[in-house]
């Protein structure tokens, strides 16, 4: 990419992990851990981004209210909802008091940058909003995400 100014479009991650606003905190945890990410967009039924949730949000919630942390058995992270059979769903019993959801934990402010924004503009927006990730927009559509790691790699010439 010599002689061309890099933009958000050049460095963004396009395979973005998202979580439903209705997902319990245990699912938020599972997605963050399994995908080795520190945060992700929260989406509604139509797939529209309605907020962002991060490990920091989880840590702060658990520090404020240790009882809000989901209880789980050993091996919890080894079975996802996608791996469950129909029989497993029938036997699956949720407690009467459901877990808190991503919607209750998420940050509803969505910080985004245009796909053609420069690396300098991305860094300035991250610093201004004091965030580690920005959604990338092409018109009115979210097309990716840029994190501080992608910005640092671009500055380093990678």
N, C-alpha and C. Protein backbone atom coordinates (compact mmCIF):
# COMPACT_ATOMS: atom_id res chain seq x y z
N UNK A 1 0.81 -1.17 0.00
CA UNK A 1 0.00 0.00 0.00
C UNK A 1 0.87 1.25 0.00
N UNK A 2 1.88 1.26 -0.81
CA UNK A 2 2.77 2.42 -0.89
C UNK A 2 2.11 3.52 -1.71
N UNK A 3 2.51 4.73 -1.43
CA UNK A 3 2.01 5.93 -2.12
C UNK A 3 0.50 6.13 -1.96
N UNK A 4 -0.12 5.41 -1.09
CA UNK A 4 -1.55 5.60 -0.84
C UNK A 4 -1.77 5.79 0.64
N UNK A 5 -2.52 6.78 0.97
CA UNK A 5 -2.87 7.04 2.36
C UNK A 5 -3.84 5.96 2.83
N UNK A 6 -3.50 5.28 3.93
CA UNK A 6 -4.39 4.24 4.45
C UNK A 6 -5.62 4.88 5.09
N UNK A 7 -6.74 4.17 4.94
CA UNK A 7 -8.02 4.62 5.49
C UNK A 7 -8.60 3.54 6.38
N UNK A 8 -9.69 3.86 7.03
CA UNK A 8 -10.40 2.88 7.86
C UNK A 8 -10.76 1.65 7.02
N UNK A 9 -11.14 1.86 5.78
CA UNK A 9 -11.50 0.75 4.89
C UNK A 9 -10.34 -0.22 4.71
N UNK A 10 -9.10 0.31 4.68
CA UNK A 10 -7.92 -0.52 4.47
C UNK A 10 -7.54 -1.35 5.69
N UNK A 11 -7.84 -0.87 6.88
CA UNK A 11 -7.37 -1.55 8.08
C UNK A 11 -8.48 -2.20 8.90
N UNK A 12 -9.74 -1.97 8.55
CA UNK A 12 -10.85 -2.45 9.38
C UNK A 12 -10.97 -3.97 9.35
N UNK A 13 -11.58 -4.48 10.40
CA UNK A 13 -11.94 -5.89 10.49
C UNK A 13 -13.36 -5.98 9.93
N UNK A 14 -13.56 -6.87 8.97
CA UNK A 14 -14.89 -6.98 8.37
C UNK A 14 -15.70 -8.14 8.93
N UNK A 15 -15.02 -9.12 9.52
CA UNK A 15 -15.71 -10.26 10.13
C UNK A 15 -15.95 -9.93 11.60
N UNK A 16 -16.96 -9.10 11.85
CA UNK A 16 -17.20 -8.54 13.18
C UNK A 16 -18.09 -9.48 13.99
N UNK A 17 -17.63 -9.80 15.20
CA UNK A 17 -18.43 -10.60 16.13
C UNK A 17 -19.42 -9.65 16.80
N UNK A 18 -20.69 -10.04 16.81
CA UNK A 18 -21.73 -9.25 17.46
C UNK A 18 -22.47 -10.12 18.46
N UNK A 19 -23.23 -9.48 19.32
CA UNK A 19 -24.05 -10.20 20.29
C UNK A 19 -25.44 -9.57 20.30
N UNK A 20 -26.45 -10.40 20.49
CA UNK A 20 -27.82 -9.91 20.58
C UNK A 20 -28.02 -9.13 21.87
N UNK A 21 -28.83 -8.09 21.80
CA UNK A 21 -29.14 -7.30 22.98
C UNK A 21 -29.80 -8.14 24.06
N UNK A 22 -30.46 -9.24 23.66
CA UNK A 22 -31.17 -10.11 24.61
C UNK A 22 -30.29 -11.23 25.17
N UNK A 23 -29.04 -11.31 24.73
CA UNK A 23 -28.14 -12.38 25.20
C UNK A 23 -27.81 -12.20 26.68
N UNK A 24 -27.83 -13.30 27.44
CA UNK A 24 -27.43 -13.20 28.85
C UNK A 24 -25.93 -12.91 28.98
N UNK A 25 -25.53 -12.39 30.14
CA UNK A 25 -24.13 -12.05 30.35
C UNK A 25 -23.21 -13.25 30.15
N UNK A 26 -23.68 -14.44 30.45
CA UNK A 26 -22.85 -15.63 30.25
C UNK A 26 -22.52 -15.80 28.76
N UNK A 27 -23.45 -15.46 27.88
CA UNK A 27 -23.20 -15.53 26.44
C UNK A 27 -22.24 -14.42 26.01
N UNK A 28 -22.37 -13.24 26.58
CA UNK A 28 -21.45 -12.14 26.30
C UNK A 28 -20.03 -12.59 26.67
N UNK A 29 -19.89 -13.14 27.87
CA UNK A 29 -18.58 -13.64 28.31
C UNK A 29 -18.03 -14.68 27.34
N UNK A 30 -18.87 -15.65 26.98
CA UNK A 30 -18.44 -16.74 26.10
C UNK A 30 -17.92 -16.20 24.77
N UNK A 31 -18.66 -15.28 24.17
CA UNK A 31 -18.25 -14.73 22.88
C UNK A 31 -16.94 -13.95 22.98
N UNK A 32 -16.79 -13.17 24.03
CA UNK A 32 -15.55 -12.41 24.21
C UNK A 32 -14.36 -13.36 24.39
N UNK A 33 -14.52 -14.38 25.23
CA UNK A 33 -13.44 -15.32 25.51
C UNK A 33 -13.10 -16.17 24.29
N UNK A 34 -14.12 -16.77 23.68
CA UNK A 34 -13.87 -17.67 22.55
C UNK A 34 -13.27 -16.95 21.35
N UNK A 35 -13.63 -15.69 21.16
CA UNK A 35 -13.12 -14.93 20.02
C UNK A 35 -11.89 -14.09 20.35
N UNK A 36 -11.47 -14.15 21.63
CA UNK A 36 -10.28 -13.42 22.08
C UNK A 36 -10.37 -11.93 21.70
N UNK A 37 -11.51 -11.34 22.04
CA UNK A 37 -11.74 -9.92 21.77
C UNK A 37 -12.10 -9.21 23.07
N UNK A 38 -11.93 -7.90 23.08
CA UNK A 38 -12.21 -7.14 24.31
C UNK A 38 -13.56 -6.42 24.27
N UNK A 39 -14.23 -6.43 23.14
CA UNK A 39 -15.53 -5.79 23.03
C UNK A 39 -16.18 -6.10 21.70
N UNK A 40 -17.48 -5.84 21.62
CA UNK A 40 -18.21 -6.12 20.38
C UNK A 40 -19.50 -5.31 20.33
N UNK A 41 -20.00 -5.10 19.11
CA UNK A 41 -21.28 -4.41 18.96
C UNK A 41 -22.44 -5.27 19.46
N UNK A 42 -23.47 -4.60 19.97
CA UNK A 42 -24.70 -5.25 20.40
C UNK A 42 -25.75 -4.92 19.34
N UNK A 43 -26.48 -5.94 18.87
CA UNK A 43 -27.45 -5.74 17.80
C UNK A 43 -28.86 -6.12 18.24
N UNK A 44 -29.86 -5.51 17.58
CA UNK A 44 -31.26 -5.86 17.84
C UNK A 44 -31.69 -6.99 16.91
N UNK A 45 -32.98 -7.33 16.93
CA UNK A 45 -33.49 -8.44 16.11
C UNK A 45 -33.23 -8.25 14.63
N UNK A 46 -33.22 -7.01 14.17
CA UNK A 46 -33.02 -6.71 12.75
C UNK A 46 -31.55 -6.62 12.38
N UNK A 47 -30.66 -6.79 13.36
CA UNK A 47 -29.23 -6.72 13.08
C UNK A 47 -28.67 -5.31 13.13
N UNK A 48 -29.46 -4.34 13.59
CA UNK A 48 -28.99 -2.97 13.72
C UNK A 48 -28.18 -2.82 15.00
N UNK A 49 -27.08 -2.12 14.93
CA UNK A 49 -26.23 -1.90 16.09
C UNK A 49 -26.92 -0.92 17.04
N UNK A 50 -27.06 -1.35 18.30
CA UNK A 50 -27.74 -0.52 19.30
C UNK A 50 -26.81 -0.13 20.46
N UNK A 51 -25.59 -0.64 20.43
CA UNK A 51 -24.64 -0.32 21.50
C UNK A 51 -23.38 -1.15 21.36
N UNK A 52 -22.53 -1.05 22.37
CA UNK A 52 -21.27 -1.80 22.40
C UNK A 52 -21.09 -2.33 23.82
N UNK A 53 -20.57 -3.55 23.94
CA UNK A 53 -20.30 -4.14 25.24
C UNK A 53 -18.84 -4.59 25.26
N UNK A 54 -18.19 -4.44 26.41
CA UNK A 54 -16.78 -4.78 26.51
C UNK A 54 -16.47 -5.52 27.80
N UNK A 55 -15.27 -6.08 27.84
CA UNK A 55 -14.80 -6.73 29.06
C UNK A 55 -14.81 -5.73 30.21
N UNK A 56 -14.44 -4.50 29.92
CA UNK A 56 -14.44 -3.46 30.95
C UNK A 56 -15.83 -3.31 31.55
N UNK A 57 -16.87 -3.34 30.71
CA UNK A 57 -18.25 -3.24 31.21
C UNK A 57 -18.56 -4.39 32.16
N UNK A 58 -18.13 -5.61 31.79
CA UNK A 58 -18.37 -6.78 32.64
C UNK A 58 -17.64 -6.64 33.97
N UNK A 59 -16.36 -6.27 33.92
CA UNK A 59 -15.57 -6.14 35.14
C UNK A 59 -16.19 -5.09 36.07
N UNK A 60 -16.58 -3.96 35.51
CA UNK A 60 -17.19 -2.91 36.34
C UNK A 60 -18.49 -3.39 36.97
N UNK A 61 -19.32 -4.10 36.20
CA UNK A 61 -20.60 -4.61 36.74
C UNK A 61 -20.35 -5.61 37.85
N UNK A 62 -19.41 -6.53 37.64
CA UNK A 62 -19.14 -7.55 38.65
C UNK A 62 -18.50 -6.95 39.89
N UNK A 63 -17.73 -5.87 39.72
CA UNK A 63 -17.13 -5.18 40.88
C UNK A 63 -18.21 -4.48 41.70
N UNK A 64 -19.19 -3.87 41.01
CA UNK A 64 -20.30 -3.19 41.68
C UNK A 64 -21.22 -4.18 42.37
N UNK A 65 -21.48 -5.30 41.69
CA UNK A 65 -22.44 -6.29 42.19
C UNK A 65 -21.92 -7.70 41.90
N UNK A 66 -21.11 -8.26 42.80
CA UNK A 66 -20.54 -9.59 42.55
C UNK A 66 -21.59 -10.67 42.31
N UNK A 67 -22.80 -10.50 42.86
CA UNK A 67 -23.85 -11.50 42.66
C UNK A 67 -24.42 -11.48 41.24
N UNK A 68 -24.09 -10.46 40.45
CA UNK A 68 -24.61 -10.40 39.07
C UNK A 68 -23.84 -11.34 38.15
N UNK A 69 -22.69 -11.84 38.61
CA UNK A 69 -21.89 -12.74 37.79
C UNK A 69 -22.64 -14.05 37.62
N UNK A 70 -22.80 -14.52 36.37
CA UNK A 70 -23.52 -15.77 36.14
C UNK A 70 -22.84 -16.95 36.81
N UNK A 71 -23.64 -17.85 37.37
CA UNK A 71 -23.12 -19.09 37.95
C UNK A 71 -23.07 -20.13 36.85
N UNK A 72 -22.01 -20.90 36.84
CA UNK A 72 -21.91 -21.93 35.79
C UNK A 72 -21.17 -23.14 36.30
N UNK A 73 -21.43 -24.25 35.66
CA UNK A 73 -20.80 -25.51 36.01
C UNK A 73 -19.46 -25.63 35.29
N UNK A 74 -18.58 -26.56 35.74
CA UNK A 74 -17.32 -26.79 35.01
C UNK A 74 -17.62 -27.17 33.56
N UNK A 75 -16.79 -26.70 32.65
CA UNK A 75 -16.97 -27.01 31.23
C UNK A 75 -17.97 -26.11 30.54
N UNK A 76 -18.41 -25.05 31.21
CA UNK A 76 -19.43 -24.15 30.67
C UNK A 76 -19.10 -23.66 29.27
N UNK A 77 -17.88 -23.25 29.02
CA UNK A 77 -17.52 -22.65 27.74
C UNK A 77 -17.41 -23.66 26.62
N UNK A 78 -17.59 -24.92 26.88
CA UNK A 78 -17.40 -25.94 25.85
C UNK A 78 -18.65 -26.25 25.05
N UNK A 79 -19.80 -25.72 25.42
CA UNK A 79 -21.03 -25.99 24.68
C UNK A 79 -21.71 -24.66 24.38
N UNK A 80 -21.89 -24.40 23.09
CA UNK A 80 -22.60 -23.18 22.72
C UNK A 80 -24.01 -23.54 22.31
N UNK A 81 -24.86 -22.55 22.19
CA UNK A 81 -26.25 -22.80 21.79
C UNK A 81 -26.32 -23.44 20.41
N UNK A 82 -25.35 -23.12 19.55
CA UNK A 82 -25.34 -23.69 18.21
C UNK A 82 -25.09 -25.20 18.24
N UNK A 83 -24.41 -25.67 19.30
CA UNK A 83 -24.07 -27.09 19.40
C UNK A 83 -25.17 -27.92 20.06
N UNK A 84 -26.21 -27.28 20.55
CA UNK A 84 -27.25 -28.01 21.28
C UNK A 84 -28.23 -28.68 20.31
N UNK A 85 -28.64 -29.91 20.64
CA UNK A 85 -29.65 -30.62 19.88
C UNK A 85 -31.03 -30.20 20.38
N UNK A 86 -32.09 -30.59 19.63
CA UNK A 86 -33.44 -30.26 20.05
C UNK A 86 -33.75 -30.82 21.43
N UNK A 87 -33.24 -32.04 21.70
CA UNK A 87 -33.48 -32.66 23.00
C UNK A 87 -32.82 -31.84 24.12
N UNK A 88 -31.66 -31.27 23.81
CA UNK A 88 -30.97 -30.46 24.81
C UNK A 88 -31.78 -29.22 25.15
N UNK A 89 -32.43 -28.61 24.14
CA UNK A 89 -33.25 -27.43 24.40
C UNK A 89 -34.41 -27.77 25.33
N UNK A 90 -35.03 -28.95 25.12
CA UNK A 90 -36.15 -29.35 25.95
C UNK A 90 -35.73 -29.56 27.39
N UNK A 91 -34.52 -30.07 27.59
CA UNK A 91 -34.03 -30.35 28.94
C UNK A 91 -33.41 -29.13 29.59
N UNK A 92 -33.19 -28.09 28.80
CA UNK A 92 -32.52 -26.89 29.31
C UNK A 92 -33.48 -26.12 30.18
N UNK A 93 -33.10 -25.88 31.42
CA UNK A 93 -33.97 -25.22 32.38
C UNK A 93 -33.34 -23.93 32.85
N UNK A 94 -33.97 -22.82 32.54
CA UNK A 94 -33.48 -21.53 32.99
C UNK A 94 -34.07 -21.21 34.36
N UNK A 95 -33.28 -20.60 35.21
CA UNK A 95 -33.83 -20.21 36.51
C UNK A 95 -34.91 -19.14 36.32
N UNK A 96 -35.81 -19.06 37.31
CA UNK A 96 -36.90 -18.08 37.22
C UNK A 96 -36.36 -16.66 37.09
N UNK A 97 -35.33 -16.34 37.85
CA UNK A 97 -34.69 -15.04 37.71
C UNK A 97 -33.63 -15.16 36.64
N UNK A 98 -33.89 -14.62 35.46
CA UNK A 98 -32.94 -14.71 34.37
C UNK A 98 -31.73 -13.83 34.61
N UNK A 99 -30.67 -14.14 33.91
CA UNK A 99 -29.46 -13.33 33.98
C UNK A 99 -29.72 -11.96 33.38
N UNK A 100 -28.90 -11.02 33.79
CA UNK A 100 -28.92 -9.72 33.14
C UNK A 100 -28.51 -9.93 31.68
N UNK A 101 -28.95 -9.05 30.80
CA UNK A 101 -28.66 -9.19 29.38
C UNK A 101 -27.66 -8.15 28.90
N UNK A 102 -27.20 -8.35 27.69
CA UNK A 102 -26.27 -7.41 27.06
C UNK A 102 -26.88 -6.01 27.01
N UNK A 103 -28.18 -5.92 26.80
CA UNK A 103 -28.84 -4.62 26.73
C UNK A 103 -28.66 -3.83 28.03
N UNK A 104 -28.72 -4.51 29.16
CA UNK A 104 -28.58 -3.83 30.45
C UNK A 104 -27.15 -3.44 30.77
N UNK A 105 -26.20 -4.02 30.06
CA UNK A 105 -24.79 -3.77 30.33
C UNK A 105 -24.13 -2.87 29.30
N UNK A 106 -24.64 -2.90 28.09
CA UNK A 106 -23.99 -2.21 26.98
C UNK A 106 -23.91 -0.70 27.17
N UNK A 107 -22.97 -0.11 26.46
CA UNK A 107 -22.88 1.33 26.35
C UNK A 107 -23.69 1.71 25.12
N UNK A 108 -24.75 2.50 25.27
CA UNK A 108 -25.61 2.78 24.11
C UNK A 108 -25.01 3.77 23.11
N UNK A 109 -23.97 4.51 23.50
CA UNK A 109 -23.34 5.43 22.56
C UNK A 109 -22.55 4.62 21.54
N UNK A 110 -22.78 4.91 20.28
CA UNK A 110 -22.09 4.22 19.20
C UNK A 110 -21.16 5.23 18.53
N UNK A 111 -19.89 4.96 18.59
CA UNK A 111 -18.91 5.83 17.96
C UNK A 111 -18.48 5.20 16.65
N UNK A 112 -18.61 5.98 15.59
CA UNK A 112 -18.30 5.46 14.26
C UNK A 112 -17.43 6.44 13.50
N UNK A 113 -16.79 5.92 12.48
CA UNK A 113 -15.91 6.70 11.61
C UNK A 113 -16.26 6.34 10.18
N UNK A 114 -16.12 7.26 9.28
CA UNK A 114 -16.37 6.99 7.87
C UNK A 114 -15.30 6.05 7.32
N UNK A 115 -15.67 5.19 6.41
CA UNK A 115 -14.75 4.21 5.83
C UNK A 115 -13.55 4.87 5.15
N UNK A 116 -13.69 6.10 4.72
CA UNK A 116 -12.58 6.80 4.05
C UNK A 116 -11.76 7.69 5.00
N UNK A 117 -12.02 7.60 6.30
CA UNK A 117 -11.27 8.39 7.28
C UNK A 117 -9.81 7.94 7.32
N UNK A 118 -8.93 8.89 7.52
CA UNK A 118 -7.49 8.60 7.60
C UNK A 118 -7.14 7.98 8.96
N UNK A 119 -5.95 7.41 9.04
CA UNK A 119 -5.47 6.85 10.30
C UNK A 119 -5.42 7.94 11.36
N UNK A 120 -4.98 9.12 10.99
CA UNK A 120 -4.93 10.24 11.92
C UNK A 120 -6.32 10.59 12.43
N UNK A 121 -7.31 10.61 11.54
CA UNK A 121 -8.69 10.91 11.94
C UNK A 121 -9.24 9.84 12.89
N UNK A 122 -8.89 8.58 12.61
CA UNK A 122 -9.34 7.47 13.46
C UNK A 122 -8.76 7.63 14.86
N UNK A 123 -7.44 7.87 14.92
CA UNK A 123 -6.76 8.03 16.21
C UNK A 123 -7.34 9.22 16.98
N UNK A 124 -7.60 10.31 16.28
CA UNK A 124 -8.16 11.50 16.93
C UNK A 124 -9.56 11.20 17.50
N UNK A 125 -10.37 10.47 16.74
CA UNK A 125 -11.72 10.13 17.21
C UNK A 125 -11.66 9.20 18.42
N UNK A 126 -10.75 8.23 18.39
CA UNK A 126 -10.60 7.32 19.54
C UNK A 126 -10.18 8.10 20.78
N UNK A 127 -9.22 9.00 20.61
CA UNK A 127 -8.75 9.79 21.75
C UNK A 127 -9.84 10.72 22.26
N UNK A 128 -10.56 11.35 21.35
CA UNK A 128 -11.62 12.28 21.72
C UNK A 128 -12.73 11.60 22.52
N UNK A 129 -13.13 10.40 22.06
CA UNK A 129 -14.22 9.66 22.72
C UNK A 129 -13.72 8.75 23.83
N UNK A 130 -12.37 8.60 23.92
CA UNK A 130 -11.74 7.74 24.91
C UNK A 130 -12.23 6.30 24.79
N UNK A 131 -12.18 5.78 23.55
CA UNK A 131 -12.60 4.41 23.25
C UNK A 131 -11.49 3.67 22.53
N UNK A 132 -11.59 2.35 22.55
CA UNK A 132 -10.59 1.49 21.90
C UNK A 132 -11.09 0.88 20.60
N UNK A 133 -12.33 1.19 20.24
CA UNK A 133 -12.86 0.65 18.99
C UNK A 133 -13.87 1.62 18.41
N UNK A 134 -13.87 1.69 17.08
CA UNK A 134 -14.84 2.50 16.35
C UNK A 134 -15.48 1.64 15.28
N UNK A 135 -16.79 1.77 15.12
CA UNK A 135 -17.44 1.10 14.01
C UNK A 135 -17.13 1.89 12.75
N UNK A 136 -17.05 1.20 11.64
CA UNK A 136 -16.74 1.84 10.36
C UNK A 136 -18.02 1.87 9.53
N UNK A 137 -18.37 3.06 9.04
CA UNK A 137 -19.58 3.25 8.25
C UNK A 137 -19.24 3.60 6.82
N UNK A 138 -20.01 3.02 5.91
CA UNK A 138 -19.96 3.39 4.50
C UNK A 138 -21.37 3.87 4.19
N UNK A 139 -21.56 5.16 4.16
CA UNK A 139 -22.91 5.71 4.07
C UNK A 139 -23.61 5.47 5.39
N UNK A 140 -24.78 4.85 5.35
CA UNK A 140 -25.54 4.55 6.57
C UNK A 140 -25.34 3.11 7.03
N UNK A 141 -24.43 2.39 6.40
CA UNK A 141 -24.25 0.97 6.71
C UNK A 141 -22.93 0.74 7.45
N UNK A 142 -22.99 -0.06 8.53
CA UNK A 142 -21.78 -0.45 9.24
C UNK A 142 -21.10 -1.56 8.44
N UNK A 143 -19.83 -1.36 8.12
CA UNK A 143 -19.13 -2.32 7.27
C UNK A 143 -17.93 -2.98 7.97
N UNK A 144 -17.61 -2.53 9.18
CA UNK A 144 -16.48 -3.12 9.88
C UNK A 144 -16.24 -2.43 11.21
N UNK A 145 -15.09 -2.78 11.79
CA UNK A 145 -14.69 -2.20 13.06
C UNK A 145 -13.18 -1.97 13.03
N UNK A 146 -12.74 -0.91 13.66
CA UNK A 146 -11.31 -0.61 13.78
C UNK A 146 -11.02 -0.51 15.27
N UNK A 147 -9.97 -1.22 15.71
CA UNK A 147 -9.56 -1.14 17.10
C UNK A 147 -8.20 -0.45 17.18
N UNK A 148 -7.78 -0.17 18.39
CA UNK A 148 -6.48 0.48 18.57
C UNK A 148 -5.36 -0.36 17.99
N UNK A 149 -5.50 -1.67 18.00
CA UNK A 149 -4.45 -2.53 17.45
C UNK A 149 -4.27 -2.30 15.95
N UNK A 150 -5.35 -2.18 15.20
CA UNK A 150 -5.23 -1.91 13.76
C UNK A 150 -4.60 -0.55 13.50
N UNK A 151 -4.92 0.43 14.32
CA UNK A 151 -4.30 1.75 14.17
C UNK A 151 -2.80 1.67 14.44
N UNK A 152 -2.43 0.99 15.52
CA UNK A 152 -1.00 0.85 15.84
C UNK A 152 -0.25 0.11 14.74
N UNK A 153 -0.85 -0.96 14.20
CA UNK A 153 -0.21 -1.70 13.12
C UNK A 153 -0.03 -0.82 11.88
N UNK A 154 -1.02 0.01 11.56
CA UNK A 154 -0.93 0.91 10.41
C UNK A 154 0.18 1.94 10.62
N UNK A 155 0.27 2.48 11.82
CA UNK A 155 1.31 3.47 12.12
C UNK A 155 2.69 2.81 12.03
N UNK A 156 2.78 1.54 12.45
CA UNK A 156 4.05 0.80 12.42
C UNK A 156 4.41 0.35 10.99
N UNK A 157 3.50 0.56 10.04
CA UNK A 157 3.78 0.20 8.66
C UNK A 157 3.47 -1.24 8.30
N UNK A 158 2.63 -1.87 9.07
CA UNK A 158 2.27 -3.27 8.79
C UNK A 158 1.04 -3.36 7.92
